[in-house]
C-alpha cells in the first residue's frame, strides 16, 4: 500500500500479531516441556535431537519477541504517516522497524535450520540402517549449510548494513527479494525432503497397512510447516508487487501478513518436531483420565473388586494373547533401533 490520504490511518493489525505471537509461542513452549517430560517418564537421558529442538525453541522465542518489539516500537501492523514531501512524520519509528527487520534475518533462518536438524537427528536415533544413517548425516549437513548460507547472505546483502534502516546513507545492494524468494523456496523443498525421508523405511516394516499409514501420518505432521512456508512466500510476493509499483510504500502495514506467517512457521516447526515423541504423555494423561472417570462413575465398586489372584490370572492370559499378536508384526532389529512394540510406544500407535 502506497501512501494515500484515502486510507484509514487508524486501522491496525497489531491485535492479530499479538494474538498469534502469544498463542503459537505457548504451543511451542509446551511442546518442548512435554517432550522433556516424556523423556523423564521413560527414564531416558536427553539426546542430541532434544537439545537441538531446545535451541530451535530459544531462537523461535527470539523471533517472536523481535516481532513484538517491531510491533510496539516500530509500528508493524499500523500505517506510517507521511508529510507533504513524502517523509515519515516519525522517522525514529522507521529506524526501529528497519533494525528489527534486519535482526529478524539473523534469527529466523537459524531457528528453521535447527528444527530441520533436530528432526533429522530423531530419524538417526530411530532408524539405524547404515545407509539410512549416511542419508541422515548428509541431510544434517545440507540443513546446516543451508542455514549458514542464507543467514549470512541476507545479513550482508546490503552494504553498509546501517543503510537497512538509514536511507540517507549511500549503499550498494543485491537483489534482496530474489534471494529471499530462493531462501523460502529451498526452505519448503528441504522440508518436503525431510518429511518424506522416513516414509520409505516405515513402509518396509512388517506391520499392518493401517498401522503403517498411522506412523506415516505422525511423521508427516511437519507438512504444517511447509504449508506455512508456502503461504508466507505468497504474501512476500504481494509485498514485492507493492514495493515495485509504488514510490512511497507504507512498509509497516504491507509487511505485516508476511510476518504473521513467520511467527506461525517457526513455532509450528517446533511443535511438529516434538509431536512424535509425546506418546508417554498421551498414555499418562489417558491413565489419569480413566482413573478419574472410574472414581466418579463407580465410587462404591471397591467391595466388589475381584481377588488379586484372579487378576493375576487375567493378566497372564492377556500377556499370552499380546505375545501371540506380536508374532505377526515383528521385523529385523538390524534395520531399526527399536522393536515393533518400542516403535509403537515411541510414536502414537
C-alpha atoms as a PDB file:
ATOM      1  CA  UNK A   1       0.000   0.000   0.000  1.00  0.00           C
ATOM      2  CA  UNK A   2       1.423   3.332  -1.004  1.00  0.00           C
ATOM      3  CA  UNK A   3       0.845   6.498   0.934  1.00  0.00           C
ATOM      4  CA  UNK A   4      -2.637   7.897   0.416  1.00  0.00           C
ATOM      5  CA  UNK A   5      -4.988  10.201   2.258  1.00  0.00           C
ATOM      6  CA  UNK A   6      -7.893   7.866   1.369  1.00  0.00           C
ATOM      7  CA  UNK A   7      -6.934   5.064   3.739  1.00  0.00           C
ATOM      8  CA  UNK A   8      -7.993   4.977   7.366  1.00  0.00           C
ATOM      9  CA  UNK A   9      -4.876   5.715   9.361  1.00  0.00           C
ATOM     10  CA  UNK A  10      -6.491   4.218  12.467  1.00  0.00           C
ATOM     11  CA  UNK A  11      -6.528   0.683  11.040  1.00  0.00           C
ATOM     12  CA  UNK A  12      -4.377  -1.756  12.993  1.00  0.00           C
ATOM     13  CA  UNK A  13      -3.202  -5.334  12.561  1.00  0.00           C
ATOM     14  CA  UNK A  14      -1.387  -5.290  15.907  1.00  0.00           C
ATOM     15  CA  UNK A  15      -4.016  -7.270  17.880  1.00  0.00           C
ATOM     16  CA  UNK A  16      -3.646 -10.078  15.342  1.00  0.00           C
ATOM     17  CA  UNK A  17       0.139 -10.024  15.701  1.00  0.00           C
ATOM     18  CA  UNK A  18      -0.095 -10.164  19.496  1.00  0.00           C
ATOM     19  CA  UNK A  19      -2.669 -12.956  19.407  1.00  0.00           C
ATOM     20  CA  UNK A  20      -0.626 -15.105  17.029  1.00  0.00           C
ATOM     21  CA  UNK A  21       2.590 -14.456  18.971  1.00  0.00           C
ATOM     22  CA  UNK A  22       1.138 -15.463  22.331  1.00  0.00           C
ATOM     23  CA  UNK A  23      -0.822 -18.459  21.049  1.00  0.00           C
ATOM     24  CA  UNK A  24       1.901 -20.077  18.971  1.00  0.00           C
ATOM     25  CA  UNK A  25       4.641 -19.326  21.499  1.00  0.00           C
ATOM     26  CA  UNK A  26       2.661 -21.168  24.168  1.00  0.00           C
ATOM     27  CA  UNK A  27       2.178 -24.118  21.800  1.00  0.00           C
ATOM     28  CA  UNK A  28       5.922 -24.302  21.086  1.00  0.00           C
ATOM     29  CA  UNK A  29       6.994 -23.939  24.728  1.00  0.00           C
ATOM     30  CA  UNK A  30       4.510 -26.522  25.999  1.00  0.00           C
ATOM     31  CA  UNK A  31       5.555 -28.952  23.237  1.00  0.00           C
ATOM     32  CA  UNK A  32       9.210 -28.869  24.284  1.00  0.00           C
ATOM     33  CA  UNK A  33       8.367 -29.110  28.004  1.00  0.00           C
ATOM     34  CA  UNK A  34       6.167 -32.140  27.347  1.00  0.00           C
ATOM     35  CA  UNK A  35       8.910 -33.683  25.201  1.00  0.00           C
ATOM     36  CA  UNK A  36      11.365 -33.402  28.099  1.00  0.00           C
ATOM     37  CA  UNK A  37       8.716 -34.749  30.497  1.00  0.00           C
ATOM     38  CA  UNK A  38       8.195 -37.724  28.208  1.00  0.00           C
ATOM     39  CA  UNK A  39      11.911 -38.479  28.340  1.00  0.00           C
ATOM     40  CA  UNK A  40      11.786 -38.356  32.124  1.00  0.00           C
ATOM     41  CA  UNK A  41       8.780 -40.709  32.243  1.00  0.00           C
ATOM     42  CA  UNK A  42      10.697 -43.201  30.100  1.00  0.00           C
ATOM     43  CA  UNK A  43      13.769 -42.845  32.306  1.00  0.00           C
ATOM     44  CA  UNK A  44      15.928 -41.839  29.348  1.00  0.00           C
ATOM     45  CA  UNK A  45      18.563 -39.140  29.025  1.00  0.00           C
ATOM     46  CA  UNK A  46      18.153 -36.222  26.659  1.00  0.00           C
ATOM     47  CA  UNK A  47      19.684 -36.869  23.257  1.00  0.00           C
ATOM     48  CA  UNK A  48      21.076 -34.554  20.574  1.00  0.00           C
ATOM     49  CA  UNK A  49      17.665 -34.176  18.911  1.00  0.00           C
ATOM     50  CA  UNK A  50      16.221 -32.925  22.220  1.00  0.00           C
ATOM     51  CA  UNK A  51      18.951 -30.351  22.739  1.00  0.00           C
ATOM     52  CA  UNK A  52      18.742 -29.047  19.181  1.00  0.00           C
ATOM     53  CA  UNK A  53      14.970 -28.554  19.434  1.00  0.00           C
ATOM     54  CA  UNK A  54      15.589 -26.604  22.650  1.00  0.00           C
ATOM     55  CA  UNK A  55      17.938 -24.315  20.707  1.00  0.00           C
ATOM     56  CA  UNK A  56      15.288 -24.010  17.982  1.00  0.00           C
ATOM     57  CA  UNK A  57      12.723 -23.033  20.631  1.00  0.00           C
ATOM     58  CA  UNK A  58      15.010 -20.327  22.045  1.00  0.00           C
ATOM     59  CA  UNK A  59      15.562 -18.918  18.560  1.00  0.00           C
ATOM     60  CA  UNK A  60      11.813 -19.080  17.837  1.00  0.00           C
ATOM     61  CA  UNK A  61      11.134 -17.131  21.017  1.00  0.00           C
ATOM     62  CA  UNK A  62      13.712 -14.603  19.824  1.00  0.00           C
ATOM     63  CA  UNK A  63      11.798 -14.291  16.539  1.00  0.00           C
ATOM     64  CA  UNK A  64       8.547 -13.703  18.407  1.00  0.00           C
ATOM     65  CA  UNK A  65       9.995 -11.157  20.847  1.00  0.00           C
ATOM     66  CA  UNK A  66      11.710  -9.344  17.974  1.00  0.00           C
ATOM     67  CA  UNK A  67       8.420  -9.085  16.054  1.00  0.00           C
ATOM     68  CA  UNK A  68       6.605  -7.823  19.147  1.00  0.00           C
ATOM     69  CA  UNK A  69       9.279  -5.129  19.560  1.00  0.00           C
ATOM     70  CA  UNK A  70       8.790  -4.290  15.881  1.00  0.00           C
ATOM     71  CA  UNK A  71       5.060  -4.054  16.540  1.00  0.00           C
ATOM     72  CA  UNK A  72       5.158  -1.903  19.649  1.00  0.00           C
ATOM     73  CA  UNK A  73       8.148   0.310  18.852  1.00  0.00           C
ATOM     74  CA  UNK A  74       8.463   0.101  15.062  1.00  0.00           C
ATOM     75  CA  UNK A  75       4.799   0.353  14.163  1.00  0.00           C
ATOM     76  CA  UNK A  76       4.377  -3.020  12.457  1.00  0.00           C
ATOM     77  CA  UNK A  77       0.716  -3.526  11.622  1.00  0.00           C
ATOM     78  CA  UNK A  78      -0.126   0.188  11.553  1.00  0.00           C
ATOM     79  CA  UNK A  79       0.009   2.845   8.847  1.00  0.00           C
ATOM     80  CA  UNK A  80       3.062   5.070   8.565  1.00  0.00           C
ATOM     81  CA  UNK A  81       2.160   8.769   8.430  1.00  0.00           C
ATOM     82  CA  UNK A  82       3.980  10.958   5.906  1.00  0.00           C
ATOM     83  CA  UNK A  83       4.256  14.704   5.441  1.00  0.00           C
ATOM     84  CA  UNK A  84       3.541  16.552   2.197  1.00  0.00           C
ATOM     85  CA  UNK A  85       7.020  15.757   0.850  1.00  0.00           C
ATOM     86  CA  UNK A  86       6.592  12.019   1.434  1.00  0.00           C
ATOM     87  CA  UNK A  87       8.858  11.876   4.504  1.00  0.00           C
ATOM     88  CA  UNK A  88       7.713   9.888   7.548  1.00  0.00           C
ATOM     89  CA  UNK A  89       6.411  12.038  10.386  1.00  0.00           C
ATOM     90  CA  UNK A  90       8.062   9.685  12.895  1.00  0.00           C
ATOM     91  CA  UNK A  91      11.456   8.743  11.409  1.00  0.00           C
ATOM     92  CA  UNK A  92      12.560   7.136  14.685  1.00  0.00           C
ATOM     93  CA  UNK A  93       9.874   4.514  14.323  1.00  0.00           C
ATOM     94  CA  UNK A  94      11.039   3.694  10.793  1.00  0.00           C
ATOM     95  CA  UNK A  95      14.596   3.267  12.116  1.00  0.00           C
ATOM     96  CA  UNK A  96      13.378   0.778  14.735  1.00  0.00           C
ATOM     97  CA  UNK A  97      11.356  -1.035  12.085  1.00  0.00           C
ATOM     98  CA  UNK A  98      14.456  -1.341   9.888  1.00  0.00           C
ATOM     99  CA  UNK A  99      16.678  -2.560  12.716  1.00  0.00           C
ATOM    100  CA  UNK A 100      14.195  -5.179  13.915  1.00  0.00           C
ATOM    101  CA  UNK A 101      13.618  -6.338  10.345  1.00  0.00           C
ATOM    102  CA  UNK A 102      17.357  -6.842   9.999  1.00  0.00           C
ATOM    103  CA  UNK A 103      17.653  -8.709  13.309  1.00  0.00           C
ATOM    104  CA  UNK A 104      14.793 -10.928  12.166  1.00  0.00           C
ATOM    105  CA  UNK A 105      17.027 -12.256   9.384  1.00  0.00           C
ATOM    106  CA  UNK A 106      19.599 -13.281  11.981  1.00  0.00           C
ATOM    107  CA  UNK A 107      17.017 -15.269  13.977  1.00  0.00           C
ATOM    108  CA  UNK A 108      14.553 -16.816  11.512  1.00  0.00           C
ATOM    109  CA  UNK A 109      16.866 -18.917   9.374  1.00  0.00           C
ATOM    110  CA  UNK A 110      18.827 -20.454  12.278  1.00  0.00           C
ATOM    111  CA  UNK A 111      15.515 -21.253  14.026  1.00  0.00           C
ATOM    112  CA  UNK A 112      14.187 -23.043  10.946  1.00  0.00           C
ATOM    113  CA  UNK A 113      17.512 -24.771  10.302  1.00  0.00           C
ATOM    114  CA  UNK A 114      17.822 -26.068  13.869  1.00  0.00           C
ATOM    115  CA  UNK A 115      14.305 -27.511  13.657  1.00  0.00           C
ATOM    116  CA  UNK A 116      15.222 -29.422  10.499  1.00  0.00           C
ATOM    117  CA  UNK A 117      18.411 -30.662  12.169  1.00  0.00           C
ATOM    118  CA  UNK A 118      16.504 -31.861  15.239  1.00  0.00           C
ATOM    119  CA  UNK A 119      14.079 -33.868  13.104  1.00  0.00           C
ATOM    120  CA  UNK A 120      16.930 -35.494  11.187  1.00  0.00           C
ATOM    121  CA  UNK A 121      18.717 -36.376  14.430  1.00  0.00           C
ATOM    122  CA  UNK A 122      15.485 -38.002  15.618  1.00  0.00           C
ATOM    123  CA  UNK A 123      15.398 -40.110  12.449  1.00  0.00           C
ATOM    124  CA  UNK A 124      19.016 -41.131  13.036  1.00  0.00           C
ATOM    125  CA  UNK A 125      18.117 -42.266  16.542  1.00  0.00           C
ATOM    126  CA  UNK A 126      15.160 -44.367  15.386  1.00  0.00           C
ATOM    127  CA  UNK A 127      16.477 -45.968  12.186  1.00  0.00           C
ATOM    128  CA  UNK A 128      19.966 -47.466  12.347  1.00  0.00           C
ATOM    129  CA  UNK A 129      20.385 -48.920   8.887  1.00  0.00           C
ATOM    130  CA  UNK A 130      23.923 -47.903   7.829  1.00  0.00           C
ATOM    131  CA  UNK A 131      22.710 -46.487   4.513  1.00  0.00           C
ATOM    132  CA  UNK A 132      19.902 -44.562   6.187  1.00  0.00           C
ATOM    133  CA  UNK A 133      22.303 -43.121   8.781  1.00  0.00           C
ATOM    134  CA  UNK A 134      24.516 -41.867   5.943  1.00  0.00           C
ATOM    135  CA  UNK A 135      21.486 -40.226   4.321  1.00  0.00           C
ATOM    136  CA  UNK A 136      20.501 -38.536   7.589  1.00  0.00           C
ATOM    137  CA  UNK A 137      24.041 -37.232   8.120  1.00  0.00           C
ATOM    138  CA  UNK A 138      24.011 -35.826   4.591  1.00  0.00           C
ATOM    139  CA  UNK A 139      20.653 -34.211   5.349  1.00  0.00           C
ATOM    140  CA  UNK A 140      22.032 -32.688   8.540  1.00  0.00           C
ATOM    141  CA  UNK A 141      24.994 -31.291   6.603  1.00  0.00           C
ATOM    142  CA  UNK A 142      22.659 -29.810   3.985  1.00  0.00           C
ATOM    143  CA  UNK A 143      20.449 -28.258   6.677  1.00  0.00           C
ATOM    144  CA  UNK A 144      23.427 -26.665   8.427  1.00  0.00           C
ATOM    145  CA  UNK A 145      24.940 -25.422   5.165  1.00  0.00           C
ATOM    146  CA  UNK A 146      21.552 -24.032   4.066  1.00  0.00           C
ATOM    147  CA  UNK A 147      21.167 -22.196   7.363  1.00  0.00           C
ATOM    148  CA  UNK A 148      24.630 -20.639   7.301  1.00  0.00           C
ATOM    149  CA  UNK A 149      24.481 -19.707   3.612  1.00  0.00           C
ATOM    150  CA  UNK A 150      21.156 -17.855   3.655  1.00  0.00           C
ATOM    151  CA  UNK A 151      21.645 -16.288   7.074  1.00  0.00           C
ATOM    152  CA  UNK A 152      24.910 -14.638   6.069  1.00  0.00           C
ATOM    153  CA  UNK A 153      23.778 -13.872   2.529  1.00  0.00           C
ATOM    154  CA  UNK A 154      20.729 -11.960   3.775  1.00  0.00           C
ATOM    155  CA  UNK A 155      22.707 -10.302   6.576  1.00  0.00           C
ATOM    156  CA  UNK A 156      25.275  -8.813   4.202  1.00  0.00           C
ATOM    157  CA  UNK A 157      23.272  -8.271   1.020  1.00  0.00           C
ATOM    158  CA  UNK A 158      23.238  -4.541   1.763  1.00  0.00           C
ATOM    159  CA  UNK A 159      26.483  -2.611   2.315  1.00  0.00           C
ATOM    160  CA  UNK A 160      26.837  -0.841   4.647  1.00  0.00           C
ATOM    161  CA  UNK A 161      24.419  -2.660   6.935  1.00  0.00           C
ATOM    162  CA  UNK A 162      23.218   0.600   8.512  1.00  0.00           C
ATOM    163  CA  UNK A 163      21.619   1.553   5.194  1.00  0.00           C
ATOM    164  CA  UNK A 164      18.918  -1.022   6.014  1.00  0.00           C
ATOM    165  CA  UNK A 165      17.439   1.492   8.457  1.00  0.00           C
ATOM    166  CA  UNK A 166      19.030   4.788   7.386  1.00  0.00           C
ATOM    167  CA  UNK A 167      18.006   5.817   3.880  1.00  0.00           C
ATOM    168  CA  UNK A 168      20.380   8.792   3.888  1.00  0.00           C
ATOM    169  CA  UNK A 169      23.472   6.557   3.760  1.00  0.00           C
ATOM    170  CA  UNK A 170      24.804   5.699   0.267  1.00  0.00           C
ATOM    171  CA  UNK A 171      24.736   1.938  -0.233  1.00  0.00           C
ATOM    172  CA  UNK A 172      25.039  -0.947  -2.646  1.00  0.00           C
ATOM    173  CA  UNK A 173      22.515  -3.741  -2.519  1.00  0.00           C
ATOM    174  CA  UNK A 174      21.913  -7.037  -4.240  1.00  0.00           C
ATOM    175  CA  UNK A 175      18.519  -8.322  -5.305  1.00  0.00           C
ATOM    176  CA  UNK A 176      17.070  -8.817  -1.854  1.00  0.00           C
ATOM    177  CA  UNK A 177      13.695 -10.190  -2.897  1.00  0.00           C
ATOM    178  CA  UNK A 178      15.191 -12.655  -5.369  1.00  0.00           C
ATOM    179  CA  UNK A 179      17.494 -14.012  -2.656  1.00  0.00           C
ATOM    180  CA  UNK A 180      14.647 -14.174  -0.143  1.00  0.00           C
ATOM    181  CA  UNK A 181      12.440 -15.987  -2.656  1.00  0.00           C
ATOM    182  CA  UNK A 182      15.179 -18.582  -3.248  1.00  0.00           C
ATOM    183  CA  UNK A 183      15.609 -18.990   0.513  1.00  0.00           C
ATOM    184  CA  UNK A 184      11.879 -19.598   1.011  1.00  0.00           C
ATOM    185  CA  UNK A 185      11.617 -21.943  -1.973  1.00  0.00           C
ATOM    186  CA  UNK A 186      14.538 -24.072  -0.802  1.00  0.00           C
ATOM    187  CA  UNK A 187      13.119 -23.971   2.723  1.00  0.00           C
ATOM    188  CA  UNK A 188       9.894 -25.578   1.517  1.00  0.00           C
ATOM    189  CA  UNK A 189      11.817 -28.046  -0.687  1.00  0.00           C
ATOM    190  CA  UNK A 190      14.113 -29.224   2.119  1.00  0.00           C
ATOM    191  CA  UNK A 191      11.108 -29.523   4.455  1.00  0.00           C
ATOM    192  CA  UNK A 192       9.475 -31.835   1.917  1.00  0.00           C
ATOM    193  CA  UNK A 193      12.609 -33.975   1.651  1.00  0.00           C
ATOM    194  CA  UNK A 194      12.928 -34.229   5.442  1.00  0.00           C
ATOM    195  CA  UNK A 195       9.277 -35.232   5.734  1.00  0.00           C
ATOM    196  CA  UNK A 196       9.485 -37.931   3.079  1.00  0.00           C
ATOM    197  CA  UNK A 197      12.784 -39.397   4.275  1.00  0.00           C
ATOM    198  CA  UNK A 198      11.365 -41.885   6.836  1.00  0.00           C
ATOM    199  CA  UNK A 199       8.307 -42.877   4.802  1.00  0.00           C
ATOM    200  CA  UNK A 200      10.182 -45.486   2.756  1.00  0.00           C
ATOM    201  CA  UNK A 201      11.602 -47.124   5.894  1.00  0.00           C
ATOM    202  CA  UNK A 202       8.219 -47.195   7.624  1.00  0.00           C
ATOM    203  CA  UNK A 203       6.587 -48.986   4.688  1.00  0.00           C
ATOM    204  CA  UNK A 204       9.343 -51.623   4.766  1.00  0.00           C
ATOM    205  CA  UNK A 205       8.312 -52.661   8.290  1.00  0.00           C
ATOM    206  CA  UNK A 206       6.252 -55.809   8.806  1.00  0.00           C
ATOM    207  CA  UNK A 207       3.174 -54.116  10.248  1.00  0.00           C
ATOM    208  CA  UNK A 208      -0.475 -53.863   9.148  1.00  0.00           C
ATOM    209  CA  UNK A 209      -1.111 -51.265   6.454  1.00  0.00           C
ATOM    210  CA  UNK A 210      -3.336 -49.205   8.749  1.00  0.00           C
ATOM    211  CA  UNK A 211      -0.549 -49.006  11.312  1.00  0.00           C
ATOM    212  CA  UNK A 212       1.981 -48.040   8.649  1.00  0.00           C
ATOM    213  CA  UNK A 213      -0.354 -45.282   7.486  1.00  0.00           C
ATOM    214  CA  UNK A 214      -0.728 -44.038  11.056  1.00  0.00           C
ATOM    215  CA  UNK A 215       3.041 -43.923  11.641  1.00  0.00           C
ATOM    216  CA  UNK A 216       3.500 -42.158   8.298  1.00  0.00           C
ATOM    217  CA  UNK A 217       0.888 -39.589   9.285  1.00  0.00           C
ATOM    218  CA  UNK A 218       2.772 -38.868  12.501  1.00  0.00           C
ATOM    219  CA  UNK A 219       5.983 -38.179  10.598  1.00  0.00           C
ATOM    220  CA  UNK A 220       4.090 -36.025   8.079  1.00  0.00           C
ATOM    221  CA  UNK A 221       2.832 -33.642  10.769  1.00  0.00           C
ATOM    222  CA  UNK A 222       5.727 -31.472   9.687  1.00  0.00           C
ATOM    223  CA  UNK A 223       3.833 -30.695   6.487  1.00  0.00           C
ATOM    224  CA  UNK A 224       2.151 -27.947   8.517  1.00  0.00           C
ATOM    225  CA  UNK A 225       5.477 -26.111   8.391  1.00  0.00           C
ATOM    226  CA  UNK A 226       5.685 -26.492   4.618  1.00  0.00           C
ATOM    227  CA  UNK A 227       2.166 -25.108   4.249  1.00  0.00           C
ATOM    228  CA  UNK A 228       3.083 -22.101   6.396  1.00  0.00           C
ATOM    229  CA  UNK A 229       6.203 -21.556   4.278  1.00  0.00           C
ATOM    230  CA  UNK A 230       4.193 -21.636   1.049  1.00  0.00           C
ATOM    231  CA  UNK A 231       1.662 -19.134   2.402  1.00  0.00           C
ATOM    232  CA  UNK A 232       4.487 -16.904   3.624  1.00  0.00           C
ATOM    233  CA  UNK A 233       6.021 -16.981   0.128  1.00  0.00           C
ATOM    234  CA  UNK A 234       2.658 -15.903  -1.311  1.00  0.00           C
ATOM    235  CA  UNK A 235       2.476 -12.858   0.963  1.00  0.00           C
ATOM    236  CA  UNK A 236       6.093 -11.981   0.242  1.00  0.00           C
ATOM    237  CA  UNK A 237       5.241 -11.917  -3.467  1.00  0.00           C
ATOM    238  CA  UNK A 238       2.449  -9.462  -2.697  1.00  0.00           C
ATOM    239  CA  UNK A 239       4.883  -7.243  -0.781  1.00  0.00           C
ATOM    240  CA  UNK A 240       7.268  -7.321  -3.740  1.00  0.00           C
ATOM    241  CA  UNK A 241       4.487  -6.274  -6.130  1.00  0.00           C
ATOM    242  CA  UNK A 242       3.579  -3.308  -3.927  1.00  0.00           C
ATOM    243  CA  UNK A 243       7.191  -2.202  -3.489  1.00  0.00           C
ATOM    244  CA  UNK A 244       7.870  -2.273  -7.225  1.00  0.00           C
ATOM    245  CA  UNK A 245       4.731  -0.340  -8.135  1.00  0.00           C
ATOM    246  CA  UNK A 246       4.694   2.474  -5.560  1.00  0.00           C
ATOM    247  CA  UNK A 247       7.412   5.090  -4.991  1.00  0.00           C
ATOM    248  CA  UNK A 248       6.468   5.548  -1.335  1.00  0.00           C
ATOM    249  CA  UNK A 249       5.252   2.442   0.445  1.00  0.00           C
ATOM    250  CA  UNK A 250       3.541   2.006   3.793  1.00  0.00           C
ATOM    251  CA  UNK A 251       6.045  -0.690   4.798  1.00  0.00           C
ATOM    252  CA  UNK A 252       4.848  -1.091   8.389  1.00  0.00           C
ATOM    253  CA  UNK A 253       1.439  -2.104   7.031  1.00  0.00           C
ATOM    254  CA  UNK A 254       2.233  -4.207   3.956  1.00  0.00           C
ATOM    255  CA  UNK A 255       4.850  -6.393   5.692  1.00  0.00           C
ATOM    256  CA  UNK A 256       2.506  -7.472   8.499  1.00  0.00           C
ATOM    257  CA  UNK A 257       0.860 -10.506   6.795  1.00  0.00           C
ATOM    258  CA  UNK A 258       4.257 -11.894   5.797  1.00  0.00           C
ATOM    259  CA  UNK A 259       5.413 -11.610   9.405  1.00  0.00           C
ATOM    260  CA  UNK A 260       2.214 -13.317  10.653  1.00  0.00           C
ATOM    261  CA  UNK A 261       3.369 -16.431   8.883  1.00  0.00           C
ATOM    262  CA  UNK A 262       6.932 -16.054  10.113  1.00  0.00           C
ATOM    263  CA  UNK A 263       5.584 -16.416  13.660  1.00  0.00           C
ATOM    264  CA  UNK A 264       3.481 -19.414  12.666  1.00  0.00           C
ATOM    265  CA  UNK A 265       6.212 -21.172  10.677  1.00  0.00           C
ATOM    266  CA  UNK A 266       8.903 -21.037  13.348  1.00  0.00           C
ATOM    267  CA  UNK A 267       6.677 -22.080  16.261  1.00  0.00           C
ATOM    268  CA  UNK A 268       4.686 -24.742  14.407  1.00  0.00           C
ATOM    269  CA  UNK A 269       8.018 -26.195  13.299  1.00  0.00           C
ATOM    270  CA  UNK A 270       8.993 -26.735  16.941  1.00  0.00           C
ATOM    271  CA  UNK A 271       5.613 -28.324  17.696  1.00  0.00           C
ATOM    272  CA  UNK A 272       5.800 -30.655  14.677  1.00  0.00           C
ATOM    273  CA  UNK A 273       9.287 -31.810  15.665  1.00  0.00           C
ATOM    274  CA  UNK A 274       8.100 -32.634  19.198  1.00  0.00           C
ATOM    275  CA  UNK A 275       4.760 -34.290  18.406  1.00  0.00           C
ATOM    276  CA  UNK A 276       6.132 -37.780  17.505  1.00  0.00           C
ATOM    277  CA  UNK A 277       7.907 -38.019  20.890  1.00  0.00           C
ATOM    278  CA  UNK A 278       4.895 -37.353  23.132  1.00  0.00           C
ATOM    279  CA  UNK A 279       3.480 -40.895  23.348  1.00  0.00           C
ATOM    280  CA  UNK A 280       4.337 -41.270  27.094  1.00  0.00           C
ATOM    281  CA  UNK A 281       2.456 -38.035  27.851  1.00  0.00           C
ATOM    282  CA  UNK A 282      -0.603 -39.303  25.993  1.00  0.00           C
ATOM    283  CA  UNK A 283      -0.507 -42.591  27.927  1.00  0.00           C
ATOM    284  CA  UNK A 284      -0.087 -40.803  31.269  1.00  0.00           C
ATOM    285  CA  UNK A 285      -2.975 -38.454  30.536  1.00  0.00           C
ATOM    286  CA  UNK A 286      -5.180 -41.378  29.442  1.00  0.00           C
ATOM    287  CA  UNK A 287      -4.448 -43.339  32.628  1.00  0.00           C
ATOM    288  CA  UNK A 288      -5.183 -40.376  34.864  1.00  0.00           C
ATOM    289  CA  UNK A 289      -8.364 -39.508  32.992  1.00  0.00           C
ATOM    290  CA  UNK A 290      -9.546 -43.119  33.158  1.00  0.00           C
ATOM    291  CA  UNK A 291      -8.840 -43.206  36.869  1.00  0.00           C
ATOM    292  CA  UNK A 292     -10.842 -40.036  37.474  1.00  0.00           C
ATOM    293  CA  UNK A 293     -13.756 -41.335  35.396  1.00  0.00           C
ATOM    294  CA  UNK A 294     -13.791 -44.612  37.311  1.00  0.00           C
ATOM    295  CA  UNK A 295     -13.796 -42.828  40.664  1.00  0.00           C
ATOM    296  CA  UNK A 296     -16.599 -40.510  39.608  1.00  0.00           C
ATOM    297  CA  UNK A 297     -18.709 -43.169  37.894  1.00  0.00           C
ATOM    298  CA  UNK A 298     -18.221 -46.169  40.198  1.00  0.00           C
ATOM    299  CA  UNK A 299     -17.435 -44.866  43.706  1.00  0.00           C
ATOM    300  CA  UNK A 300     -18.881 -47.923  45.508  1.00  0.00           C
ATOM    301  CA  UNK A 301     -17.425 -50.783  43.465  1.00  0.00           C
ATOM    302  CA  UNK A 302     -14.335 -51.356  45.589  1.00  0.00           C
ATOM    303  CA  UNK A 303     -16.072 -54.029  47.658  1.00  0.00           C
ATOM    304  CA  UNK A 304     -16.888 -55.994  44.527  1.00  0.00           C
ATOM    305  CA  UNK A 305     -13.354 -55.909  43.084  1.00  0.00           C
ATOM    306  CA  UNK A 306     -12.148 -59.398  42.051  1.00  0.00           C
ATOM    307  CA  UNK A 307      -9.485 -61.120  44.182  1.00  0.00           C
ATOM    308  CA  UNK A 308      -5.870 -60.410  43.407  1.00  0.00           C
ATOM    309  CA  UNK A 309      -5.201 -63.986  42.339  1.00  0.00           C
ATOM    310  CA  UNK A 310      -7.939 -63.776  39.694  1.00  0.00           C
ATOM    311  CA  UNK A 311      -6.497 -60.522  38.439  1.00  0.00           C
ATOM    312  CA  UNK A 312      -3.112 -62.178  38.171  1.00  0.00           C
ATOM    313  CA  UNK A 313      -4.550 -64.988  36.058  1.00  0.00           C
ATOM    314  CA  UNK A 314      -6.328 -62.470  33.838  1.00  0.00           C
ATOM    315  CA  UNK A 315      -3.109 -60.529  33.309  1.00  0.00           C
ATOM    316  CA  UNK A 316      -1.275 -63.703  32.412  1.00  0.00           C
ATOM    317  CA  UNK A 317      -3.900 -64.525  29.836  1.00  0.00           C
ATOM    318  CA  UNK A 318      -3.674 -61.032  28.391  1.00  0.00           C
ATOM    319  CA  UNK A 319       0.082 -61.326  28.159  1.00  0.00           C
ATOM    320  CA  UNK A 320      -0.247 -64.598  26.215  1.00  0.00           C
ATOM    321  CA  UNK A 321      -2.661 -63.000  23.761  1.00  0.00           C
ATOM    322  CA  UNK A 322      -0.466 -59.916  23.362  1.00  0.00           C
ATOM    323  CA  UNK A 323       2.596 -62.033  22.732  1.00  0.00           C
ATOM    324  CA  UNK A 324       0.791 -64.011  20.041  1.00  0.00           C
ATOM    325  CA  UNK A 325      -0.331 -60.791  18.392  1.00  0.00           C
ATOM    326  CA  UNK A 326       3.243 -59.551  18.220  1.00  0.00           C
ATOM    327  CA  UNK A 327       4.371 -62.580  16.201  1.00  0.00           C
ATOM    328  CA  UNK A 328       2.791 -61.214  13.034  1.00  0.00           C
ATOM    329  CA  UNK A 329       4.320 -57.744  13.295  1.00  0.00           C
ATOM    330  CA  UNK A 330       7.993 -58.346  14.136  1.00  0.00           C
ATOM    331  CA  UNK A 331      10.820 -57.091  11.960  1.00  0.00           C
ATOM    332  CA  UNK A 332      14.569 -57.344  11.815  1.00  0.00           C
ATOM    333  CA  UNK A 333      16.228 -55.225  14.539  1.00  0.00           C
ATOM    334  CA  UNK A 334      19.242 -54.920  12.255  1.00  0.00           C
ATOM    335  CA  UNK A 335      17.408 -52.185  10.379  1.00  0.00           C
ATOM    336  CA  UNK A 336      15.899 -50.184  13.228  1.00  0.00           C
ATOM    337  CA  UNK A 337      16.974 -49.378  16.770  1.00  0.00           C
ATOM    338  CA  UNK A 338      13.554 -50.198  18.278  1.00  0.00           C
ATOM    339  CA  UNK A 339      11.477 -53.367  18.460  1.00  0.00           C
ATOM    340  CA  UNK A 340       7.964 -53.132  16.929  1.00  0.00           C
ATOM    341  CA  UNK A 341       6.436 -52.558  20.358  1.00  0.00           C
ATOM    342  CA  UNK A 342       9.026 -49.904  21.257  1.00  0.00           C
ATOM    343  CA  UNK A 343       8.438 -48.075  17.993  1.00  0.00           C
ATOM    344  CA  UNK A 344       4.700 -48.016  18.622  1.00  0.00           C
ATOM    345  CA  UNK A 345       5.303 -46.785  22.171  1.00  0.00           C
ATOM    346  CA  UNK A 346       7.704 -44.149  20.863  1.00  0.00           C
ATOM    347  CA  UNK A 347       5.050 -42.868  18.463  1.00  0.00           C
ATOM    348  CA  UNK A 348       1.277 -42.624  18.667  1.00  0.00           C
ATOM    349  CA  UNK A 349       0.445 -46.142  17.522  1.00  0.00           C
END
